[in-house]
Amino acid sequence: MSEQGSSGSEQKNLFSGGGIEGLKDLILNLSPPSDSSNKPDNLTRQEYEDLELQEKAYQQAIKDNELASAKQRLKQRKKEHKQRVSYASKIFWLSLSWLAAVTAITVASGVRCLPFELSDTVLVTLLTTTTATVLGLFITVLRFLFQEPKDP
């Protein structure tokens, strides 16, 4: 019992002996466990290595995803380019043939030996509306085909 009484009185002295000084002494007298160290144990090392591997795999997945996305954008742009070339050619020939037809009608109306005649009002209306329609169609289609890409 004397051992217990002795240790109890030491603790009592540490707490009651001077307020903050007693608490300071108590903290200074505490010793860390003998088996603790700053070095990670094997389990902690393995967990750390696993986290590093997961991070590398994640970064690689991001790069793979970005590469796949870039390939998809390139494929889409190539497809759009093909369509642009095709439709630009088609709209050019449509506009050319439309204007050639209007020119033929105008010339046929002006030549007196042909049995084809249109009044001046009809010719002006035909030329005005046809020119506006052809040019409007041409500009609209070309603006749609050759617009700026929206993605960065």
N, C-alpha and C. Protein backbone atom coordinates (compact mmCIF):
# COMPACT_ATOMS: atom_id res chain seq x y z
N MET A 1 0.79 -1.19 0.00
CA MET A 1 0.00 0.00 0.00
C MET A 1 0.84 1.25 0.00
N SER A 2 1.99 1.14 0.55
CA SER A 2 2.84 2.31 0.60
C SER A 2 3.26 2.74 -0.80
N GLU A 3 3.41 1.75 -1.73
CA GLU A 3 3.75 2.13 -3.11
C GLU A 3 2.61 2.89 -3.76
N GLN A 4 1.39 2.39 -3.50
CA GLN A 4 0.26 3.08 -4.10
C GLN A 4 0.10 4.46 -3.48
N GLY A 5 0.27 4.54 -2.23
CA GLY A 5 0.15 5.83 -1.54
C GLY A 5 1.20 6.79 -2.02
N SER A 6 2.38 6.25 -2.26
CA SER A 6 3.47 7.10 -2.71
C SER A 6 3.21 7.64 -4.11
N SER A 7 2.75 6.77 -5.04
CA SER A 7 2.50 7.25 -6.40
C SER A 7 1.30 8.18 -6.43
N GLY A 8 0.31 7.91 -5.60
CA GLY A 8 -0.85 8.78 -5.53
C GLY A 8 -0.47 10.15 -5.00
N SER A 9 0.43 10.20 -4.06
CA SER A 9 0.83 11.49 -3.51
C SER A 9 1.69 12.27 -4.50
N GLU A 10 2.49 11.52 -5.33
CA GLU A 10 3.28 12.21 -6.35
C GLU A 10 2.36 12.89 -7.36
N GLN A 11 1.34 12.14 -7.79
CA GLN A 11 0.41 12.73 -8.74
C GLN A 11 -0.32 13.91 -8.11
N LYS A 12 -0.66 13.75 -6.83
CA LYS A 12 -1.36 14.81 -6.14
C LYS A 12 -0.47 16.05 -6.04
N ASN A 13 0.83 15.81 -5.81
CA ASN A 13 1.76 16.92 -5.72
C ASN A 13 1.92 17.62 -7.08
N LEU A 14 1.92 16.84 -8.15
CA LEU A 14 2.07 17.44 -9.48
C LEU A 14 0.88 18.33 -9.82
N PHE A 15 -0.31 17.88 -9.43
CA PHE A 15 -1.50 18.66 -9.73
C PHE A 15 -1.68 19.83 -8.78
N SER A 16 -1.36 19.61 -7.55
CA SER A 16 -1.65 20.65 -6.59
C SER A 16 -0.47 21.57 -6.33
N GLY A 17 0.67 21.25 -6.88
CA GLY A 17 1.85 22.03 -6.54
C GLY A 17 2.11 23.18 -7.47
N GLY A 18 1.32 24.14 -7.52
CA GLY A 18 1.69 25.36 -8.20
C GLY A 18 0.88 25.66 -9.44
N GLY A 19 -0.23 25.10 -9.62
CA GLY A 19 -1.09 25.47 -10.74
C GLY A 19 -0.47 25.16 -12.09
N ILE A 20 -0.10 26.20 -12.82
CA ILE A 20 0.45 26.03 -14.17
C ILE A 20 1.80 25.35 -14.11
N GLU A 21 2.59 25.66 -13.12
CA GLU A 21 3.91 25.02 -12.98
C GLU A 21 3.75 23.51 -12.77
N GLY A 22 2.75 23.13 -11.99
CA GLY A 22 2.50 21.70 -11.76
C GLY A 22 2.06 21.01 -13.04
N LEU A 23 1.23 21.65 -13.80
CA LEU A 23 0.77 21.08 -15.07
C LEU A 23 1.93 20.98 -16.05
N LYS A 24 2.79 21.98 -16.04
CA LYS A 24 3.96 21.98 -16.92
C LYS A 24 4.88 20.83 -16.56
N ASP A 25 5.10 20.62 -15.27
CA ASP A 25 5.92 19.50 -14.82
C ASP A 25 5.31 18.17 -15.22
N LEU A 26 3.98 18.06 -15.11
CA LEU A 26 3.29 16.83 -15.48
C LEU A 26 3.50 16.53 -16.96
N ILE A 27 3.38 17.55 -17.79
CA ILE A 27 3.55 17.35 -19.22
C ILE A 27 4.99 16.97 -19.54
N LEU A 28 5.93 17.61 -18.90
CA LEU A 28 7.34 17.31 -19.16
C LEU A 28 7.72 15.92 -18.67
N ASN A 29 7.08 15.42 -17.64
CA ASN A 29 7.38 14.10 -17.11
C ASN A 29 6.74 12.97 -17.92
N LEU A 30 5.79 13.30 -18.78
CA LEU A 30 5.18 12.27 -19.61
C LEU A 30 6.18 11.85 -20.67
N SER A 31 6.31 10.58 -20.88
CA SER A 31 7.24 10.11 -21.90
C SER A 31 6.44 9.42 -23.00
N PRO A 32 6.88 9.57 -24.26
CA PRO A 32 6.17 8.93 -25.36
C PRO A 32 6.31 7.41 -25.27
N PRO A 33 5.40 6.68 -25.86
CA PRO A 33 5.54 5.23 -25.85
C PRO A 33 6.84 4.83 -26.52
N SER A 34 7.43 3.79 -26.03
CA SER A 34 8.76 3.39 -26.50
C SER A 34 8.75 2.85 -27.92
N ASP A 35 7.62 2.35 -28.42
CA ASP A 35 7.60 1.75 -29.75
C ASP A 35 7.19 2.74 -30.85
N SER A 36 6.97 4.01 -30.52
CA SER A 36 6.58 4.96 -31.56
C SER A 36 7.82 5.62 -32.16
N SER A 37 7.72 5.95 -33.46
CA SER A 37 8.79 6.64 -34.15
C SER A 37 8.19 7.44 -35.30
N ASN A 38 9.00 8.25 -35.89
CA ASN A 38 8.53 9.05 -37.01
C ASN A 38 8.53 8.28 -38.32
N LYS A 39 9.16 7.13 -38.36
CA LYS A 39 9.24 6.33 -39.57
C LYS A 39 7.94 5.54 -39.74
N PRO A 40 7.40 5.47 -40.97
CA PRO A 40 6.18 4.70 -41.17
C PRO A 40 6.46 3.20 -41.08
N ASP A 41 5.49 2.48 -40.57
CA ASP A 41 5.65 1.04 -40.52
C ASP A 41 5.38 0.46 -41.91
N ASN A 42 5.53 -0.85 -42.06
CA ASN A 42 5.38 -1.49 -43.37
C ASN A 42 3.97 -1.30 -43.94
N LEU A 43 2.96 -1.38 -43.11
CA LEU A 43 1.59 -1.20 -43.57
C LEU A 43 1.38 0.22 -44.09
N THR A 44 1.91 1.19 -43.39
CA THR A 44 1.77 2.58 -43.82
C THR A 44 2.52 2.80 -45.13
N ARG A 45 3.71 2.21 -45.27
CA ARG A 45 4.46 2.33 -46.51
C ARG A 45 3.68 1.73 -47.68
N GLN A 46 3.09 0.56 -47.46
CA GLN A 46 2.32 -0.10 -48.51
C GLN A 46 1.10 0.73 -48.91
N GLU A 47 0.44 1.29 -47.92
CA GLU A 47 -0.71 2.15 -48.21
C GLU A 47 -0.28 3.37 -49.02
N TYR A 48 0.86 3.95 -48.64
CA TYR A 48 1.38 5.12 -49.34
C TYR A 48 1.71 4.76 -50.80
N GLU A 49 2.36 3.61 -51.01
CA GLU A 49 2.69 3.17 -52.36
C GLU A 49 1.42 2.90 -53.17
N ASP A 50 0.41 2.31 -52.52
CA ASP A 50 -0.86 2.06 -53.19
C ASP A 50 -1.51 3.38 -53.62
N LEU A 51 -1.46 4.37 -52.75
CA LEU A 51 -2.03 5.67 -53.08
C LEU A 51 -1.28 6.31 -54.25
N GLU A 52 0.04 6.17 -54.27
CA GLU A 52 0.83 6.71 -55.37
C GLU A 52 0.46 6.01 -56.68
N LEU A 53 0.30 4.69 -56.64
CA LEU A 53 -0.08 3.94 -57.84
C LEU A 53 -1.48 4.35 -58.32
N GLN A 54 -2.39 4.54 -57.38
CA GLN A 54 -3.73 4.97 -57.74
C GLN A 54 -3.70 6.36 -58.37
N GLU A 55 -2.88 7.24 -57.83
CA GLU A 55 -2.76 8.59 -58.39
C GLU A 55 -2.19 8.54 -59.80
N LYS A 56 -1.17 7.70 -60.02
CA LYS A 56 -0.59 7.57 -61.36
C LYS A 56 -1.61 7.00 -62.33
N ALA A 57 -2.37 6.00 -61.89
CA ALA A 57 -3.40 5.42 -62.75
C ALA A 57 -4.48 6.46 -63.08
N TYR A 58 -4.83 7.27 -62.11
CA TYR A 58 -5.83 8.32 -62.32
C TYR A 58 -5.32 9.35 -63.33
N GLN A 59 -4.07 9.78 -63.17
CA GLN A 59 -3.49 10.75 -64.10
C GLN A 59 -3.41 10.17 -65.51
N GLN A 60 -3.06 8.88 -65.61
CA GLN A 60 -3.00 8.23 -66.92
C GLN A 60 -4.38 8.15 -67.55
N ALA A 61 -5.38 7.87 -66.74
CA ALA A 61 -6.76 7.81 -67.25
C ALA A 61 -7.19 9.17 -67.77
N ILE A 62 -6.81 10.23 -67.08
CA ILE A 62 -7.14 11.59 -67.53
C ILE A 62 -6.46 11.86 -68.88
N LYS A 63 -5.18 11.50 -68.99
CA LYS A 63 -4.47 11.71 -70.26
C LYS A 63 -5.10 10.91 -71.39
N ASP A 64 -5.47 9.63 -71.10
CA ASP A 64 -6.10 8.80 -72.10
C ASP A 64 -7.43 9.38 -72.54
N ASN A 65 -8.19 9.91 -71.58
CA ASN A 65 -9.48 10.52 -71.89
C ASN A 65 -9.31 11.77 -72.74
N GLU A 66 -8.31 12.58 -72.41
CA GLU A 66 -8.04 13.79 -73.19
C GLU A 66 -7.60 13.43 -74.60
N LEU A 67 -6.79 12.39 -74.73
CA LEU A 67 -6.33 11.95 -76.04
C LEU A 67 -7.51 11.44 -76.87
N ALA A 68 -8.37 10.64 -76.26
CA ALA A 68 -9.54 10.13 -76.97
C ALA A 68 -10.45 11.28 -77.39
N SER A 69 -10.60 12.27 -76.52
CA SER A 69 -11.44 13.43 -76.83
C SER A 69 -10.83 14.22 -78.00
N ALA A 70 -9.53 14.40 -77.99
CA ALA A 70 -8.87 15.13 -79.07
C ALA A 70 -8.99 14.36 -80.39
N LYS A 71 -8.87 13.04 -80.35
CA LYS A 71 -9.04 12.23 -81.56
C LYS A 71 -10.45 12.35 -82.10
N GLN A 72 -11.42 12.36 -81.19
CA GLN A 72 -12.83 12.50 -81.60
C GLN A 72 -13.07 13.86 -82.24
N ARG A 73 -12.50 14.93 -81.67
CA ARG A 73 -12.67 16.27 -82.25
C ARG A 73 -12.02 16.33 -83.64
N LEU A 74 -10.84 15.71 -83.79
CA LEU A 74 -10.17 15.71 -85.08
C LEU A 74 -11.00 14.95 -86.12
N LYS A 75 -11.55 13.82 -85.72
CA LYS A 75 -12.39 13.03 -86.61
C LYS A 75 -13.61 13.85 -87.03
N GLN A 76 -14.23 14.55 -86.09
CA GLN A 76 -15.39 15.38 -86.39
C GLN A 76 -15.02 16.52 -87.34
N ARG A 77 -13.88 17.14 -87.12
CA ARG A 77 -13.46 18.25 -88.00
C ARG A 77 -13.16 17.75 -89.41
N LYS A 78 -12.57 16.56 -89.53
CA LYS A 78 -12.32 16.00 -90.86
C LYS A 78 -13.64 15.73 -91.59
N LYS A 79 -14.62 15.20 -90.84
CA LYS A 79 -15.93 14.94 -91.41
C LYS A 79 -16.58 16.24 -91.86
N GLU A 80 -16.50 17.27 -91.04
CA GLU A 80 -17.06 18.57 -91.39
C GLU A 80 -16.38 19.16 -92.62
N HIS A 81 -15.07 18.96 -92.72
CA HIS A 81 -14.33 19.48 -93.87
C HIS A 81 -14.81 18.81 -95.16
N LYS A 82 -15.00 17.49 -95.08
CA LYS A 82 -15.50 16.76 -96.25
C LYS A 82 -16.86 17.31 -96.67
N GLN A 83 -17.74 17.52 -95.70
CA GLN A 83 -19.06 18.05 -96.00
C GLN A 83 -18.97 19.46 -96.58
N ARG A 84 -18.08 20.26 -96.05
CA ARG A 84 -17.91 21.62 -96.55
C ARG A 84 -17.51 21.62 -98.02
N VAL A 85 -16.53 20.77 -98.33
CA VAL A 85 -16.07 20.71 -99.72
C VAL A 85 -17.21 20.25 -100.63
N SER A 86 -17.93 19.23 -100.20
CA SER A 86 -19.03 18.69 -100.99
C SER A 86 -20.14 19.71 -101.18
N TYR A 87 -20.60 20.30 -100.09
CA TYR A 87 -21.72 21.25 -100.18
C TYR A 87 -21.31 22.56 -100.83
N ALA A 88 -20.10 23.00 -100.63
CA ALA A 88 -19.64 24.22 -101.29
C ALA A 88 -19.67 24.03 -102.80
N SER A 89 -19.25 22.88 -103.25
CA SER A 89 -19.28 22.59 -104.69
C SER A 89 -20.72 22.53 -105.20
N LYS A 90 -21.57 21.85 -104.43
CA LYS A 90 -22.98 21.72 -104.85
C LYS A 90 -23.68 23.08 -104.89
N ILE A 91 -23.48 23.90 -103.88
CA ILE A 91 -24.14 25.21 -103.86
C ILE A 91 -23.59 26.12 -104.96
N PHE A 92 -22.32 25.96 -105.27
CA PHE A 92 -21.75 26.75 -106.37
C PHE A 92 -22.42 26.39 -107.69
N TRP A 93 -22.53 25.10 -107.96
CA TRP A 93 -23.13 24.68 -109.23
C TRP A 93 -24.62 24.99 -109.28
N LEU A 94 -25.31 24.90 -108.15
CA LEU A 94 -26.73 25.27 -108.11
C LEU A 94 -26.89 26.76 -108.42
N SER A 95 -26.08 27.58 -107.79
CA SER A 95 -26.16 29.03 -108.02
C SER A 95 -25.80 29.36 -109.46
N LEU A 96 -24.78 28.72 -109.99
CA LEU A 96 -24.37 28.97 -111.37
C LEU A 96 -25.47 28.58 -112.35
N SER A 97 -26.07 27.42 -112.16
CA SER A 97 -27.12 26.99 -113.09
C SER A 97 -28.36 27.86 -112.95
N TRP A 98 -28.70 28.26 -111.74
CA TRP A 98 -29.86 29.12 -111.52
C TRP A 98 -29.65 30.47 -112.24
N LEU A 99 -28.49 31.04 -112.06
CA LEU A 99 -28.21 32.32 -112.72
C LEU A 99 -28.11 32.16 -114.24
N ALA A 100 -27.62 31.02 -114.70
CA ALA A 100 -27.57 30.77 -116.15
C ALA A 100 -29.00 30.68 -116.72
N ALA A 101 -29.89 30.06 -115.97
CA ALA A 101 -31.28 29.97 -116.43
C ALA A 101 -31.93 31.35 -116.49
N VAL A 102 -31.69 32.17 -115.49
CA VAL A 102 -32.25 33.53 -115.48
C VAL A 102 -31.67 34.32 -116.64
N THR A 103 -30.38 34.17 -116.89
CA THR A 103 -29.74 34.86 -118.01
C THR A 103 -30.35 34.41 -119.34
N ALA A 104 -30.58 33.10 -119.48
CA ALA A 104 -31.18 32.58 -120.71
C ALA A 104 -32.59 33.12 -120.92
N ILE A 105 -33.36 33.18 -119.83
CA ILE A 105 -34.73 33.73 -119.94
C ILE A 105 -34.67 35.20 -120.34
N THR A 106 -33.77 35.95 -119.76
CA THR A 106 -33.65 37.38 -120.07
C THR A 106 -33.23 37.58 -121.53
N VAL A 107 -32.26 36.79 -121.99
CA VAL A 107 -31.79 36.91 -123.38
C VAL A 107 -32.90 36.49 -124.33
N ALA A 108 -33.60 35.40 -123.99
CA ALA A 108 -34.68 34.93 -124.87
C ALA A 108 -35.80 35.96 -124.97
N SER A 109 -36.03 36.66 -123.87
CA SER A 109 -37.07 37.69 -123.88
C SER A 109 -36.64 38.90 -124.71
N GLY A 110 -35.35 39.15 -124.77
CA GLY A 110 -34.84 40.31 -125.51
C GLY A 110 -34.69 40.07 -126.98
N VAL A 111 -34.55 38.83 -127.41
CA VAL A 111 -34.38 38.51 -128.84
C VAL A 111 -35.77 38.48 -129.46
N ARG A 112 -35.97 39.29 -130.48
CA ARG A 112 -37.30 39.45 -131.05
C ARG A 112 -37.68 38.30 -131.99
N CYS A 113 -36.74 37.55 -132.49
CA CYS A 113 -37.08 36.48 -133.44
C CYS A 113 -37.62 35.23 -132.74
N LEU A 114 -37.45 35.12 -131.43
CA LEU A 114 -37.99 33.96 -130.69
C LEU A 114 -39.42 34.27 -130.25
N PRO A 115 -40.27 33.25 -130.21
CA PRO A 115 -41.66 33.49 -129.81
C PRO A 115 -41.82 33.55 -128.28
N PHE A 116 -40.87 34.14 -127.58
CA PHE A 116 -40.88 34.20 -126.11
C PHE A 116 -40.77 35.66 -125.71
N GLU A 117 -41.75 36.13 -124.95
CA GLU A 117 -41.72 37.53 -124.58
C GLU A 117 -42.28 37.70 -123.17
N LEU A 118 -41.58 38.49 -122.37
CA LEU A 118 -42.04 38.83 -121.01
C LEU A 118 -42.10 40.34 -120.91
N SER A 119 -43.06 40.82 -120.13
CA SER A 119 -43.17 42.27 -119.95
C SER A 119 -41.99 42.78 -119.11
N ASP A 120 -41.78 44.08 -119.16
CA ASP A 120 -40.66 44.68 -118.40
C ASP A 120 -40.83 44.46 -116.90
N THR A 121 -42.03 44.56 -116.40
CA THR A 121 -42.28 44.37 -114.97
C THR A 121 -41.93 42.95 -114.53
N VAL A 122 -42.29 41.97 -115.34
CA VAL A 122 -42.00 40.56 -115.01
C VAL A 122 -40.49 40.33 -115.04
N LEU A 123 -39.81 40.89 -116.01
CA LEU A 123 -38.35 40.73 -116.10
C LEU A 123 -37.64 41.35 -114.89
N VAL A 124 -38.05 42.54 -114.50
CA VAL A 124 -37.43 43.21 -113.34
C VAL A 124 -37.69 42.38 -112.08
N THR A 125 -38.90 41.92 -111.92
CA THR A 125 -39.23 41.10 -110.74
C THR A 125 -38.43 39.80 -110.75
N LEU A 126 -38.35 39.15 -111.92
CA LEU A 126 -37.59 37.90 -112.04
C LEU A 126 -36.12 38.10 -111.70
N LEU A 127 -35.52 39.15 -112.25
CA LEU A 127 -34.10 39.41 -111.99
C LEU A 127 -33.85 39.77 -110.52
N THR A 128 -34.70 40.60 -109.96
CA THR A 128 -34.51 41.04 -108.58
C THR A 128 -34.68 39.89 -107.60
N THR A 129 -35.77 39.19 -107.69
CA THR A 129 -36.03 38.10 -106.73
C THR A 129 -35.06 36.95 -106.90
N THR A 130 -34.74 36.63 -108.13
CA THR A 130 -33.81 35.52 -108.36
C THR A 130 -32.42 35.86 -107.87
N THR A 131 -31.96 37.04 -108.13
CA THR A 131 -30.64 37.44 -107.67
C THR A 131 -30.59 37.46 -106.15
N ALA A 132 -31.59 38.02 -105.53
CA ALA A 132 -31.61 38.07 -104.06
C ALA A 132 -31.68 36.66 -103.46
N THR A 133 -32.50 35.80 -104.06
CA THR A 133 -32.65 34.44 -103.55
C THR A 133 -31.35 33.65 -103.71
N VAL A 134 -30.74 33.73 -104.86
CA VAL A 134 -29.51 32.97 -105.11
C VAL A 134 -28.38 33.46 -104.21
N LEU A 135 -28.21 34.76 -104.15
CA LEU A 135 -27.14 35.30 -103.30
C LEU A 135 -27.40 35.02 -101.82
N GLY A 136 -28.66 35.15 -101.39
CA GLY A 136 -29.02 34.86 -100.00
C GLY A 136 -28.77 33.39 -99.65
N LEU A 137 -29.18 32.50 -100.54
CA LEU A 137 -28.95 31.07 -100.32
C LEU A 137 -27.45 30.77 -100.26
N PHE A 138 -26.73 31.33 -101.19
CA PHE A 138 -25.28 31.11 -101.26
C PHE A 138 -24.60 31.59 -99.97
N ILE A 139 -24.92 32.79 -99.53
CA ILE A 139 -24.30 33.35 -98.33
C ILE A 139 -24.71 32.57 -97.08
N THR A 140 -25.98 32.22 -96.97
CA THR A 140 -26.46 31.47 -95.81
C THR A 140 -25.78 30.11 -95.69
N VAL A 141 -25.73 29.39 -96.78
CA VAL A 141 -25.10 28.06 -96.75
C VAL A 141 -23.61 28.18 -96.46
N LEU A 142 -22.94 29.13 -97.06
CA LEU A 142 -21.51 29.28 -96.81
C LEU A 142 -21.22 29.70 -95.38
N ARG A 143 -22.06 30.57 -94.82
CA ARG A 143 -21.87 30.95 -93.40
C ARG A 143 -22.05 29.75 -92.49
N PHE A 144 -23.03 28.90 -92.80
CA PHE A 144 -23.25 27.71 -91.99
C PHE A 144 -22.10 26.73 -92.13
N LEU A 145 -21.65 26.53 -93.35
CA LEU A 145 -20.59 25.54 -93.58
C LEU A 145 -19.24 26.00 -93.04
N PHE A 146 -18.95 27.28 -93.10
CA PHE A 146 -17.63 27.77 -92.75
C PHE A 146 -17.64 28.63 -91.49
N GLN A 147 -18.48 28.26 -90.55
CA GLN A 147 -18.52 29.00 -89.29
C GLN A 147 -17.33 28.64 -88.42
N GLU A 148 -17.04 29.49 -87.45
CA GLU A 148 -15.94 29.26 -86.50
C GLU A 148 -16.30 28.10 -85.59
N PRO A 149 -15.32 27.25 -85.27
CA PRO A 149 -15.61 26.15 -84.33
C PRO A 149 -15.94 26.69 -82.95
N LYS A 150 -16.89 26.04 -82.27
CA LYS A 150 -17.35 26.50 -80.98
C LYS A 150 -16.47 25.99 -79.84
N ASP A 151 -15.88 24.82 -80.03
CA ASP A 151 -15.06 24.26 -78.94
C ASP A 151 -13.65 24.81 -79.00
N PRO A 152 -12.99 24.84 -77.87
CA PRO A 152 -11.63 25.42 -77.81
C PRO A 152 -10.60 24.60 -78.51
